[in-house]
N, C-alpha and C. Protein backbone atom coordinates (compact mmCIF):
# COMPACT_ATOMS: atom_id res chain seq x y z
N MET A 1 33.55 -126.85 -5.25
CA MET A 1 32.36 -127.03 -5.95
C MET A 1 32.33 -126.87 -7.36
N ALA A 2 31.66 -127.87 -8.27
CA ALA A 2 31.49 -127.61 -9.63
C ALA A 2 30.72 -126.47 -9.93
N HIS A 3 30.89 -125.67 -11.14
CA HIS A 3 30.02 -124.58 -11.53
C HIS A 3 28.99 -125.33 -12.44
N LYS A 4 27.65 -125.28 -12.05
CA LYS A 4 26.56 -125.74 -12.70
C LYS A 4 26.15 -124.83 -13.97
N PRO A 5 26.30 -125.25 -15.46
CA PRO A 5 25.95 -124.31 -16.37
C PRO A 5 24.45 -123.66 -16.20
N GLN A 6 24.23 -122.42 -16.61
CA GLN A 6 23.04 -122.03 -16.61
C GLN A 6 21.95 -122.21 -17.96
N PRO A 7 20.75 -122.54 -17.64
CA PRO A 7 19.95 -122.91 -18.68
C PRO A 7 20.18 -121.69 -19.91
N ALA A 8 20.08 -122.38 -21.15
CA ALA A 8 20.07 -121.50 -22.36
C ALA A 8 18.95 -120.58 -22.34
N THR A 9 19.15 -119.18 -22.87
CA THR A 9 18.15 -118.29 -23.00
C THR A 9 18.40 -117.77 -24.59
N ALA A 10 17.51 -116.95 -24.81
CA ALA A 10 17.63 -116.26 -26.20
C ALA A 10 18.84 -115.50 -26.24
N ASP A 11 18.94 -114.75 -25.02
CA ASP A 11 20.07 -113.67 -24.85
C ASP A 11 21.33 -114.50 -24.80
N THR A 12 21.68 -115.46 -24.32
CA THR A 12 22.82 -116.36 -24.22
C THR A 12 22.98 -116.78 -25.56
N LEU A 13 22.22 -117.45 -26.30
CA LEU A 13 22.28 -117.93 -27.41
C LEU A 13 22.93 -116.71 -28.48
N ALA A 14 21.96 -115.75 -28.37
CA ALA A 14 22.50 -114.69 -29.30
C ALA A 14 23.98 -114.09 -29.34
N ALA A 15 24.27 -113.97 -27.95
CA ALA A 15 25.77 -113.51 -27.62
C ALA A 15 26.58 -114.66 -28.24
N ALA A 16 26.40 -115.88 -28.04
CA ALA A 16 27.26 -116.98 -28.28
C ALA A 16 27.40 -117.12 -29.90
N ALA A 17 26.08 -116.76 -30.64
CA ALA A 17 26.10 -116.83 -32.13
C ALA A 17 26.78 -115.44 -32.73
N LYS A 18 26.67 -114.38 -32.13
CA LYS A 18 27.37 -113.26 -32.47
C LYS A 18 29.06 -113.51 -32.49
N ALA A 19 29.53 -114.17 -31.30
CA ALA A 19 30.81 -114.41 -31.40
C ALA A 19 31.30 -115.50 -32.11
N ALA A 20 30.51 -116.30 -32.55
CA ALA A 20 31.05 -117.50 -33.35
C ALA A 20 30.73 -117.24 -34.87
N GLY A 21 29.88 -116.18 -35.32
CA GLY A 21 29.78 -115.92 -36.61
C GLY A 21 30.49 -114.71 -37.28
N ARG A 22 31.44 -114.32 -36.35
CA ARG A 22 32.31 -112.94 -36.57
C ARG A 22 32.73 -112.89 -38.01
N LYS A 23 33.25 -114.09 -38.56
CA LYS A 23 33.97 -114.15 -39.93
C LYS A 23 33.21 -115.01 -40.85
N GLY A 24 32.19 -114.62 -41.18
CA GLY A 24 31.15 -115.42 -42.20
C GLY A 24 30.25 -116.19 -41.61
N PRO A 25 29.37 -117.06 -42.21
CA PRO A 25 28.32 -117.73 -41.78
C PRO A 25 28.88 -118.92 -40.71
N PRO A 26 28.24 -118.94 -39.45
CA PRO A 26 28.66 -119.87 -38.43
C PRO A 26 28.68 -121.42 -39.04
N PRO A 27 29.94 -122.14 -38.82
CA PRO A 27 29.82 -123.51 -39.18
C PRO A 27 29.29 -124.58 -38.31
N VAL A 28 27.88 -124.36 -38.24
CA VAL A 28 27.07 -125.29 -37.53
C VAL A 28 27.09 -126.69 -37.85
N HIS A 29 27.16 -126.96 -38.89
CA HIS A 29 27.41 -128.47 -39.32
C HIS A 29 28.87 -129.13 -38.78
N LEU A 30 29.75 -128.47 -38.35
CA LEU A 30 30.76 -128.60 -37.55
C LEU A 30 30.72 -128.79 -35.93
N TRP A 31 29.56 -128.27 -35.44
CA TRP A 31 29.38 -128.11 -34.11
C TRP A 31 28.68 -129.31 -33.63
N ASN A 32 29.10 -129.98 -32.48
CA ASN A 32 28.17 -131.06 -31.88
C ASN A 32 28.46 -130.82 -30.45
N PRO A 33 27.67 -129.80 -29.83
CA PRO A 33 27.76 -129.48 -28.35
C PRO A 33 26.64 -130.34 -27.51
N PRO A 34 26.74 -130.43 -26.42
CA PRO A 34 25.78 -131.15 -25.56
C PRO A 34 24.31 -130.60 -25.59
N PHE A 35 23.37 -131.42 -25.58
CA PHE A 35 21.90 -130.91 -25.66
C PHE A 35 21.58 -130.34 -24.36
N CYS A 36 21.17 -129.21 -24.28
CA CYS A 36 20.69 -128.43 -23.07
C CYS A 36 19.50 -128.34 -23.03
N GLY A 37 18.50 -129.14 -23.61
CA GLY A 37 17.23 -128.88 -23.36
C GLY A 37 16.43 -128.26 -24.48
N ASP A 38 14.96 -127.96 -24.37
CA ASP A 38 14.43 -127.38 -25.18
C ASP A 38 14.19 -125.84 -24.73
N LEU A 39 14.09 -125.15 -25.64
CA LEU A 39 13.89 -123.53 -25.40
C LEU A 39 12.26 -123.33 -25.83
N ASP A 40 11.70 -122.37 -25.28
CA ASP A 40 10.44 -121.91 -25.80
C ASP A 40 10.47 -121.12 -26.86
N MET A 41 10.90 -121.50 -28.06
CA MET A 41 11.11 -120.76 -29.21
C MET A 41 10.40 -121.56 -30.43
N ARG A 42 9.53 -120.68 -31.33
CA ARG A 42 8.86 -121.49 -32.50
C ARG A 42 9.02 -120.60 -33.49
N ILE A 43 8.94 -121.17 -34.70
CA ILE A 43 9.00 -120.76 -35.96
C ILE A 43 7.57 -121.02 -36.58
N ALA A 44 6.72 -120.12 -36.77
CA ALA A 44 5.43 -120.35 -37.28
C ALA A 44 5.54 -120.45 -38.87
N ARG A 45 4.45 -120.90 -39.42
CA ARG A 45 4.53 -121.25 -40.82
C ARG A 45 4.62 -120.13 -41.62
N ASP A 46 4.18 -119.01 -41.26
CA ASP A 46 4.41 -117.77 -41.88
C ASP A 46 5.85 -117.07 -41.78
N GLY A 47 6.96 -117.93 -40.96
CA GLY A 47 8.23 -117.39 -40.83
C GLY A 47 8.64 -116.41 -39.76
N THR A 48 7.35 -116.26 -39.04
CA THR A 48 7.74 -115.28 -37.81
C THR A 48 8.20 -116.27 -36.72
N TRP A 49 9.05 -115.77 -35.93
CA TRP A 49 10.05 -116.45 -34.89
C TRP A 49 9.39 -115.92 -33.46
N PHE A 50 8.95 -116.78 -32.70
CA PHE A 50 8.30 -116.40 -31.38
C PHE A 50 9.32 -116.86 -30.26
N TYR A 51 9.43 -116.06 -29.21
CA TYR A 51 10.14 -116.48 -28.01
C TYR A 51 9.24 -116.29 -26.80
N LEU A 52 9.12 -117.25 -26.06
CA LEU A 52 8.19 -117.25 -24.71
C LEU A 52 6.92 -116.68 -25.05
N GLY A 53 6.45 -117.02 -26.47
CA GLY A 53 4.85 -116.72 -26.80
C GLY A 53 4.79 -115.42 -27.60
N SER A 54 5.86 -114.50 -27.49
CA SER A 54 5.72 -113.12 -28.15
C SER A 54 6.54 -113.41 -29.57
N PRO A 55 6.24 -112.33 -30.60
CA PRO A 55 6.89 -112.35 -31.82
C PRO A 55 8.30 -111.88 -31.48
N ILE A 56 9.32 -112.14 -32.04
CA ILE A 56 10.56 -111.46 -32.06
C ILE A 56 10.64 -110.36 -33.10
N GLY A 57 10.57 -109.26 -32.67
CA GLY A 57 10.43 -108.04 -33.50
C GLY A 57 11.47 -107.67 -34.12
N ARG A 58 12.87 -107.88 -33.71
CA ARG A 58 14.10 -107.30 -34.23
C ARG A 58 14.68 -108.35 -35.34
N HIS A 59 14.52 -107.75 -36.45
CA HIS A 59 14.97 -108.74 -37.75
C HIS A 59 16.36 -109.04 -37.43
N ALA A 60 17.06 -108.16 -36.94
CA ALA A 60 18.67 -108.66 -36.84
C ALA A 60 18.87 -109.94 -35.94
N LEU A 61 18.05 -109.97 -35.12
CA LEU A 61 18.08 -111.07 -33.98
C LEU A 61 17.59 -112.32 -34.57
N VAL A 62 16.46 -112.13 -35.29
CA VAL A 62 15.82 -113.51 -36.38
C VAL A 62 16.90 -113.98 -37.11
N LYS A 63 17.67 -112.99 -37.81
CA LYS A 63 18.68 -113.23 -39.08
C LYS A 63 19.60 -114.15 -38.17
N LEU A 64 20.24 -113.76 -36.86
CA LEU A 64 21.15 -114.24 -36.13
C LEU A 64 20.74 -115.48 -35.83
N PHE A 65 19.64 -115.63 -35.39
CA PHE A 65 19.19 -117.12 -34.83
C PHE A 65 19.16 -118.15 -35.97
N SER A 66 18.62 -117.57 -37.21
CA SER A 66 18.48 -118.34 -38.46
C SER A 66 20.16 -118.83 -38.98
N GLY A 67 20.95 -118.09 -38.58
CA GLY A 67 22.27 -118.57 -38.83
C GLY A 67 22.70 -119.89 -38.05
N ILE A 68 22.29 -120.13 -36.92
CA ILE A 68 22.56 -121.23 -36.14
C ILE A 68 21.69 -122.21 -35.94
N LEU A 69 20.66 -122.37 -36.95
CA LEU A 69 19.74 -123.24 -36.88
C LEU A 69 20.29 -124.46 -37.72
N LYS A 70 19.98 -125.69 -36.88
CA LYS A 70 20.42 -126.99 -37.43
C LYS A 70 19.34 -127.89 -37.47
N LEU A 71 19.24 -128.89 -38.36
CA LEU A 71 18.31 -129.94 -38.40
C LEU A 71 19.11 -131.20 -38.23
N GLU A 72 18.67 -132.01 -37.08
CA GLU A 72 19.26 -133.25 -37.08
C GLU A 72 18.16 -134.44 -36.65
N ASP A 73 18.14 -135.46 -37.40
CA ASP A 73 17.19 -136.46 -37.11
C ASP A 73 15.59 -135.87 -37.07
N GLY A 74 15.29 -134.95 -38.13
CA GLY A 74 13.90 -134.54 -38.03
C GLY A 74 13.61 -133.58 -37.26
N LYS A 75 14.56 -132.98 -36.34
CA LYS A 75 14.43 -132.07 -35.14
C LYS A 75 15.08 -130.93 -35.47
N TYR A 76 14.68 -129.77 -35.05
CA TYR A 76 15.34 -128.44 -35.14
C TYR A 76 15.97 -128.08 -33.77
N PHE A 77 17.24 -127.53 -33.99
CA PHE A 77 18.15 -127.06 -32.89
C PHE A 77 18.77 -125.69 -33.23
N LEU A 78 18.96 -124.80 -32.29
CA LEU A 78 19.85 -123.72 -32.35
C LEU A 78 21.28 -124.10 -31.95
N VAL A 79 22.17 -124.03 -32.47
CA VAL A 79 23.56 -124.52 -31.82
C VAL A 79 24.42 -123.54 -31.93
N THR A 80 25.44 -123.50 -30.89
CA THR A 80 26.57 -122.72 -30.85
C THR A 80 27.72 -123.69 -30.45
N PRO A 81 29.05 -123.33 -30.36
CA PRO A 81 29.98 -124.36 -30.07
C PRO A 81 29.91 -125.02 -28.82
N VAL A 82 29.05 -124.33 -27.53
CA VAL A 82 29.12 -124.91 -26.36
C VAL A 82 27.68 -125.37 -26.07
N GLU A 83 26.40 -125.21 -26.75
CA GLU A 83 25.13 -125.57 -26.40
C GLU A 83 24.39 -125.91 -27.36
N LYS A 84 23.31 -126.40 -27.35
CA LYS A 84 22.24 -127.04 -28.36
C LYS A 84 21.22 -127.02 -27.86
N VAL A 85 20.12 -126.22 -28.12
CA VAL A 85 18.91 -126.36 -27.65
C VAL A 85 17.69 -126.52 -28.81
N GLY A 86 16.75 -127.46 -28.35
CA GLY A 86 15.65 -127.73 -29.26
C GLY A 86 14.51 -126.74 -29.57
N ILE A 87 14.07 -126.28 -30.73
CA ILE A 87 13.24 -125.36 -30.90
C ILE A 87 11.92 -126.00 -31.82
N THR A 88 10.76 -125.31 -31.77
CA THR A 88 9.70 -125.97 -32.60
C THR A 88 9.58 -125.17 -34.01
N VAL A 89 9.41 -125.90 -35.05
CA VAL A 89 9.37 -125.42 -36.27
C VAL A 89 8.03 -125.84 -37.11
N GLU A 90 6.92 -125.10 -37.22
CA GLU A 90 5.56 -125.70 -37.68
C GLU A 90 5.65 -126.00 -38.98
N ASP A 91 6.27 -125.48 -39.98
CA ASP A 91 6.52 -126.08 -41.39
C ASP A 91 7.95 -126.15 -41.82
N ALA A 92 8.45 -125.12 -42.52
CA ALA A 92 9.79 -124.98 -42.94
C ALA A 92 10.27 -123.88 -42.13
N PRO A 93 11.75 -123.70 -41.84
CA PRO A 93 12.23 -122.82 -41.07
C PRO A 93 12.38 -121.44 -41.67
N PHE A 94 12.07 -121.35 -42.98
CA PHE A 94 12.35 -120.15 -43.80
C PHE A 94 11.11 -119.93 -44.99
N VAL A 95 10.99 -118.72 -45.28
CA VAL A 95 10.06 -118.53 -46.35
C VAL A 95 10.64 -117.83 -47.60
N ALA A 96 10.45 -118.36 -48.65
CA ALA A 96 11.02 -117.63 -49.94
C ALA A 96 10.04 -116.82 -50.40
N VAL A 97 10.43 -115.60 -50.24
CA VAL A 97 9.59 -114.41 -50.53
C VAL A 97 9.52 -113.58 -51.76
N ASP A 98 10.66 -114.14 -52.62
CA ASP A 98 10.88 -113.54 -54.05
C ASP A 98 11.88 -114.34 -54.76
N PHE A 99 12.02 -114.17 -56.03
CA PHE A 99 13.16 -114.74 -56.68
C PHE A 99 13.21 -113.90 -58.04
N SER A 100 14.44 -114.29 -58.67
CA SER A 100 14.83 -113.66 -59.73
C SER A 100 15.24 -114.83 -60.92
N VAL A 101 15.21 -114.39 -62.01
CA VAL A 101 15.46 -115.60 -63.03
C VAL A 101 16.28 -114.91 -64.24
N THR A 102 17.38 -115.92 -64.45
CA THR A 102 18.38 -115.49 -65.56
C THR A 102 18.15 -116.98 -66.64
N GLY A 103 18.32 -116.33 -67.79
CA GLY A 103 18.19 -117.49 -68.84
C GLY A 103 16.78 -117.77 -69.29
N LYS A 104 16.59 -118.83 -70.08
CA LYS A 104 15.34 -119.50 -70.41
C LYS A 104 15.45 -120.98 -70.53
N GLY A 105 14.36 -121.69 -70.47
CA GLY A 105 14.14 -123.14 -70.63
C GLY A 105 15.10 -123.95 -69.77
N GLN A 106 15.54 -124.73 -70.52
CA GLN A 106 16.89 -125.52 -69.69
C GLN A 106 18.07 -124.77 -69.19
N ASP A 107 18.35 -123.63 -69.63
CA ASP A 107 19.45 -122.75 -69.25
C ASP A 107 18.91 -121.72 -68.25
N GLN A 108 17.75 -121.87 -67.80
CA GLN A 108 17.24 -120.98 -66.65
C GLN A 108 17.95 -121.40 -65.33
N ALA A 109 17.98 -120.19 -64.64
CA ALA A 109 18.38 -120.37 -63.18
C ALA A 109 17.48 -119.23 -62.43
N ILE A 110 16.99 -120.05 -61.27
CA ILE A 110 16.05 -119.29 -60.38
C ILE A 110 16.80 -119.05 -59.12
N THR A 111 16.84 -117.85 -58.81
CA THR A 111 17.46 -117.76 -57.56
C THR A 111 16.49 -116.92 -56.48
N PHE A 112 16.26 -117.79 -55.27
CA PHE A 112 15.34 -117.27 -54.33
C PHE A 112 16.10 -116.57 -53.34
N VAL A 113 15.18 -115.49 -52.70
CA VAL A 113 15.50 -114.80 -51.47
C VAL A 113 14.46 -115.24 -50.36
N THR A 114 15.05 -115.56 -49.16
CA THR A 114 14.33 -115.82 -47.98
C THR A 114 13.84 -114.41 -47.35
N HIS A 115 13.15 -114.66 -46.31
CA HIS A 115 12.75 -113.60 -45.27
C HIS A 115 13.76 -113.23 -44.37
N VAL A 116 15.00 -114.11 -44.30
CA VAL A 116 16.03 -113.82 -43.46
C VAL A 116 17.18 -113.46 -44.37
N GLU A 117 17.07 -113.16 -45.63
CA GLU A 117 17.87 -112.64 -46.55
C GLU A 117 18.95 -113.71 -47.14
N ASP A 118 18.44 -114.89 -46.92
CA ASP A 118 19.53 -116.13 -47.68
C ASP A 118 19.09 -115.91 -49.09
N GLU A 119 20.22 -116.11 -49.98
CA GLU A 119 19.80 -116.16 -51.32
C GLU A 119 20.51 -117.67 -51.90
N VAL A 120 19.50 -118.25 -52.59
CA VAL A 120 19.95 -119.68 -52.97
C VAL A 120 19.39 -119.93 -54.46
N THR A 121 20.31 -120.33 -55.37
CA THR A 121 19.81 -120.86 -56.77
C THR A 121 19.21 -122.30 -56.78
N ALA A 122 18.22 -122.37 -57.15
CA ALA A 122 17.71 -123.81 -57.23
C ALA A 122 18.50 -124.60 -58.31
N GLY A 123 18.80 -126.03 -58.07
CA GLY A 123 19.49 -126.57 -58.73
C GLY A 123 19.75 -128.04 -58.11
N PRO A 124 20.42 -128.90 -58.48
CA PRO A 124 20.86 -130.17 -57.86
C PRO A 124 21.04 -130.23 -56.45
N ASP A 125 21.82 -129.34 -55.92
CA ASP A 125 21.88 -129.15 -54.51
C ASP A 125 21.01 -128.40 -53.75
N HIS A 126 20.04 -127.73 -54.53
CA HIS A 126 18.99 -126.88 -53.93
C HIS A 126 17.58 -127.11 -54.69
N PRO A 127 17.35 -128.44 -54.50
CA PRO A 127 15.91 -128.69 -55.21
C PRO A 127 14.89 -128.04 -54.80
N ILE A 128 13.97 -127.95 -55.68
CA ILE A 128 12.45 -127.47 -55.61
C ILE A 128 11.54 -128.61 -55.66
N ARG A 129 10.59 -128.75 -54.36
CA ARG A 129 9.77 -130.13 -54.29
C ARG A 129 8.48 -129.37 -53.86
N VAL A 130 7.42 -130.11 -54.25
CA VAL A 130 5.99 -129.80 -53.85
C VAL A 130 5.39 -130.90 -53.15
N GLU A 131 4.75 -130.53 -52.04
CA GLU A 131 3.87 -131.49 -51.40
C GLU A 131 2.32 -130.92 -51.61
N ARG A 132 1.55 -131.94 -51.59
CA ARG A 132 0.15 -131.82 -51.81
C ARG A 132 -0.47 -132.20 -50.70
N ASP A 133 -1.42 -131.31 -50.33
CA ASP A 133 -2.30 -131.52 -49.16
C ASP A 133 -3.16 -132.72 -49.38
N ALA A 134 -3.27 -133.66 -48.51
CA ALA A 134 -4.10 -134.96 -48.67
C ALA A 134 -5.56 -134.53 -48.89
N ALA A 135 -6.05 -133.75 -48.12
CA ALA A 135 -7.43 -133.37 -48.21
C ALA A 135 -7.91 -132.44 -49.38
N THR A 136 -7.11 -131.40 -49.53
CA THR A 136 -7.60 -130.51 -50.50
C THR A 136 -6.73 -130.42 -51.85
N GLY A 137 -5.63 -131.39 -51.77
CA GLY A 137 -4.81 -131.25 -53.00
C GLY A 137 -4.17 -129.89 -53.09
N GLU A 138 -3.97 -128.95 -52.21
CA GLU A 138 -3.49 -127.68 -52.67
C GLU A 138 -2.01 -127.99 -52.33
N PRO A 139 -1.23 -127.56 -53.30
CA PRO A 139 0.18 -127.71 -53.39
C PRO A 139 0.83 -126.61 -52.35
N SER A 140 2.21 -127.16 -51.73
CA SER A 140 3.01 -126.57 -50.88
C SER A 140 4.42 -126.84 -51.38
N PRO A 141 4.96 -125.56 -52.09
CA PRO A 141 6.06 -125.77 -52.68
C PRO A 141 7.37 -125.46 -51.71
N TYR A 142 8.57 -126.04 -51.91
CA TYR A 142 9.57 -125.57 -51.01
C TYR A 142 10.89 -125.65 -51.72
N VAL A 143 12.10 -125.00 -51.32
CA VAL A 143 13.32 -124.92 -51.96
C VAL A 143 14.34 -125.17 -50.88
N MET A 144 15.21 -126.10 -51.15
CA MET A 144 16.21 -126.39 -50.11
C MET A 144 17.39 -125.33 -50.09
N VAL A 145 17.53 -124.72 -48.90
CA VAL A 145 18.30 -123.68 -48.54
C VAL A 145 19.62 -123.95 -48.06
N ARG A 146 19.90 -124.65 -47.20
CA ARG A 146 21.17 -125.44 -46.81
C ARG A 146 20.83 -126.36 -45.74
N ARG A 147 22.12 -127.53 -45.76
CA ARG A 147 22.10 -128.52 -44.85
C ARG A 147 20.63 -129.07 -44.27
N GLY A 148 19.71 -129.38 -45.24
CA GLY A 148 18.64 -130.04 -44.79
C GLY A 148 17.42 -129.00 -44.43
N LEU A 149 17.85 -127.56 -44.45
CA LEU A 149 16.89 -126.62 -44.04
C LEU A 149 16.02 -126.04 -45.29
N GLU A 150 14.91 -126.15 -45.38
CA GLU A 150 14.21 -125.73 -46.48
C GLU A 150 13.36 -124.39 -46.44
N ALA A 151 12.88 -123.72 -47.36
CA ALA A 151 12.12 -122.61 -47.15
C ALA A 151 10.90 -122.92 -48.08
N ARG A 152 9.78 -122.47 -47.43
CA ARG A 152 8.33 -122.75 -48.15
C ARG A 152 8.32 -121.51 -49.03
N ILE A 153 8.05 -121.68 -50.39
CA ILE A 153 7.94 -120.64 -51.32
C ILE A 153 6.44 -119.98 -51.05
N ASP A 154 6.58 -118.74 -50.89
CA ASP A 154 5.11 -118.04 -50.70
C ASP A 154 4.29 -118.11 -51.77
N ARG A 155 3.14 -117.73 -51.50
CA ARG A 155 1.97 -118.03 -52.67
C ARG A 155 2.30 -117.16 -53.84
N LYS A 156 2.53 -115.71 -53.65
CA LYS A 156 2.85 -114.85 -54.70
C LYS A 156 3.92 -115.30 -55.59
N SER A 157 5.02 -115.97 -54.85
CA SER A 157 6.20 -116.27 -55.75
C SER A 157 5.77 -117.56 -56.58
N PHE A 158 5.06 -118.54 -55.93
CA PHE A 158 4.67 -119.68 -56.52
C PHE A 158 3.76 -119.38 -57.75
N TYR A 159 3.01 -118.45 -57.75
CA TYR A 159 2.07 -117.97 -58.88
C TYR A 159 2.95 -117.56 -59.96
N ARG A 160 4.03 -116.70 -59.54
CA ARG A 160 4.97 -116.33 -60.54
C ARG A 160 5.82 -117.37 -61.27
N LEU A 161 6.07 -118.17 -60.45
CA LEU A 161 6.94 -119.61 -61.03
C LEU A 161 6.12 -120.39 -61.76
N ILE A 162 4.81 -120.37 -61.70
CA ILE A 162 3.71 -121.18 -62.78
C ILE A 162 4.00 -120.62 -64.02
N GLU A 163 4.18 -119.21 -63.96
CA GLU A 163 4.24 -118.25 -65.43
C GLU A 163 5.46 -118.75 -66.16
N ILE A 164 6.64 -119.19 -65.50
CA ILE A 164 7.64 -119.59 -66.07
C ILE A 164 7.96 -121.15 -66.15
N GLY A 165 7.07 -121.92 -66.01
CA GLY A 165 7.21 -123.24 -65.99
C GLY A 165 6.99 -123.94 -67.55
N ASP A 166 7.21 -125.27 -67.60
CA ASP A 166 7.48 -125.84 -68.80
C ASP A 166 7.11 -127.30 -68.69
N HIS A 167 6.70 -128.00 -69.81
CA HIS A 167 6.27 -129.25 -69.74
C HIS A 167 7.50 -130.08 -70.12
N ALA A 168 7.83 -131.24 -69.61
CA ALA A 168 9.06 -132.11 -69.72
C ALA A 168 8.76 -133.41 -69.30
N LEU A 169 9.35 -134.48 -69.75
CA LEU A 169 9.49 -135.72 -69.41
C LEU A 169 10.14 -136.04 -67.94
N HIS A 170 9.57 -136.51 -67.04
CA HIS A 170 10.36 -137.01 -65.71
C HIS A 170 9.81 -138.20 -65.22
N GLU A 171 10.99 -139.38 -65.06
CA GLU A 171 10.62 -140.45 -64.82
C GLU A 171 9.56 -141.40 -65.68
N GLY A 172 9.61 -140.94 -66.89
CA GLY A 172 8.55 -141.66 -67.89
C GLY A 172 7.40 -141.03 -68.01
N ALA A 173 6.90 -139.90 -67.32
CA ALA A 173 5.72 -139.32 -67.49
C ALA A 173 5.90 -137.98 -67.89
N ARG A 174 4.91 -137.07 -68.36
CA ARG A 174 5.13 -135.92 -68.79
C ARG A 174 4.52 -134.97 -67.57
N TRP A 175 5.39 -134.20 -67.22
CA TRP A 175 5.11 -133.00 -65.89
C TRP A 175 5.39 -131.69 -66.39
N PHE A 176 4.33 -130.84 -65.78
CA PHE A 176 4.63 -129.39 -65.74
C PHE A 176 5.67 -129.05 -64.44
N GLY A 177 6.62 -128.13 -64.89
CA GLY A 177 7.62 -128.06 -63.79
C GLY A 177 8.59 -126.81 -64.13
N LEU A 178 9.69 -126.87 -63.48
CA LEU A 178 10.52 -125.73 -63.62
C LEU A 178 12.00 -126.32 -63.88
N TRP A 179 12.59 -125.50 -64.78
CA TRP A 179 14.10 -125.78 -64.97
C TRP A 179 14.86 -124.81 -64.08
N SER A 180 16.09 -125.34 -63.52
CA SER A 180 16.91 -124.36 -62.74
C SER A 180 18.23 -125.08 -62.60
N GLY A 181 19.21 -124.32 -62.83
CA GLY A 181 20.48 -124.96 -62.32
C GLY A 181 20.87 -126.27 -63.36
N GLY A 182 20.15 -126.44 -64.43
CA GLY A 182 20.50 -127.67 -65.32
C GLY A 182 19.63 -128.88 -64.83
N ALA A 183 18.68 -128.70 -63.87
CA ALA A 183 17.82 -129.61 -63.48
C ALA A 183 16.43 -129.31 -63.78
N PHE A 184 15.32 -130.32 -63.86
CA PHE A 184 13.97 -130.28 -63.96
C PHE A 184 13.42 -130.62 -62.71
N PHE A 185 12.34 -129.82 -62.06
CA PHE A 185 11.83 -130.07 -60.88
C PHE A 185 10.20 -130.17 -61.39
N PRO A 186 9.76 -131.26 -61.13
CA PRO A 186 8.56 -131.53 -61.55
C PRO A 186 7.42 -130.92 -60.36
N LEU A 187 6.31 -130.20 -60.78
CA LEU A 187 5.41 -129.66 -60.14
C LEU A 187 4.07 -130.42 -59.97
N ILE A 188 3.57 -130.38 -61.20
CA ILE A 188 2.11 -131.04 -61.35
C ILE A 188 2.15 -131.98 -62.68
N PRO A 189 1.52 -133.11 -62.39
CA PRO A 189 1.33 -134.07 -63.78
C PRO A 189 0.60 -133.22 -64.81
N SER A 190 1.47 -133.30 -65.98
CA SER A 190 0.59 -132.52 -67.23
C SER A 190 -0.85 -133.06 -67.33
N ALA A 191 -0.97 -134.28 -67.10
CA ALA A 191 -2.51 -134.77 -67.25
C ALA A 191 -3.49 -134.08 -66.38
N GLU A 192 -3.08 -133.66 -65.28
CA GLU A 192 -3.81 -132.71 -64.29
C GLU A 192 -4.20 -131.49 -65.13
N LEU A 193 -3.17 -130.89 -65.53
CA LEU A 193 -3.60 -129.58 -66.36
C LEU A 193 -4.49 -129.63 -67.59
N ASP A 194 -4.16 -130.92 -68.30
CA ASP A 194 -4.94 -131.24 -69.55
C ASP A 194 -6.62 -131.32 -69.27
N GLY A 195 -6.70 -132.01 -68.12
CA GLY A 195 -8.25 -132.34 -67.75
C GLY A 195 -8.82 -131.13 -67.27
């Protein structure tokens, strides 16, 4: 009689992730296991992870799960070498909670830190982008962390970023934005600030 695989749980995923990630970050981009269904796990807009409706209180477990997160065709999955389960992400899977700056102007480099301790320096491979709410016009800024996974930049960090912004030409128009890693990231059309 064939052995029927058990459905994935947070515990089985955590054990597999620990085993797979012993020598650095897990190579989730190389894994393509069979889909095992959806798991009742959700990442809220503020970065809080929930399992079966309750917040996951152990930071080490959240950090472990964040390392096996994968984005495929607009959907989020936790993957191990042997299983893949779908999860819900309300906005971006990460939140950039702080940043540091070196250099100035076009030589500036902005390095973000996420709530799960990822560090990423904005640049061509890690762009900053801003979405505007259609109804309110309120900006929501993001930075690419890895393999299509973004971090929403928290409000306090965004206000600090505005202080180091500059005006530059972008696609034939003048924009207020940020320089980092040799690239300019437009945030707000300069005309909106002048008005």
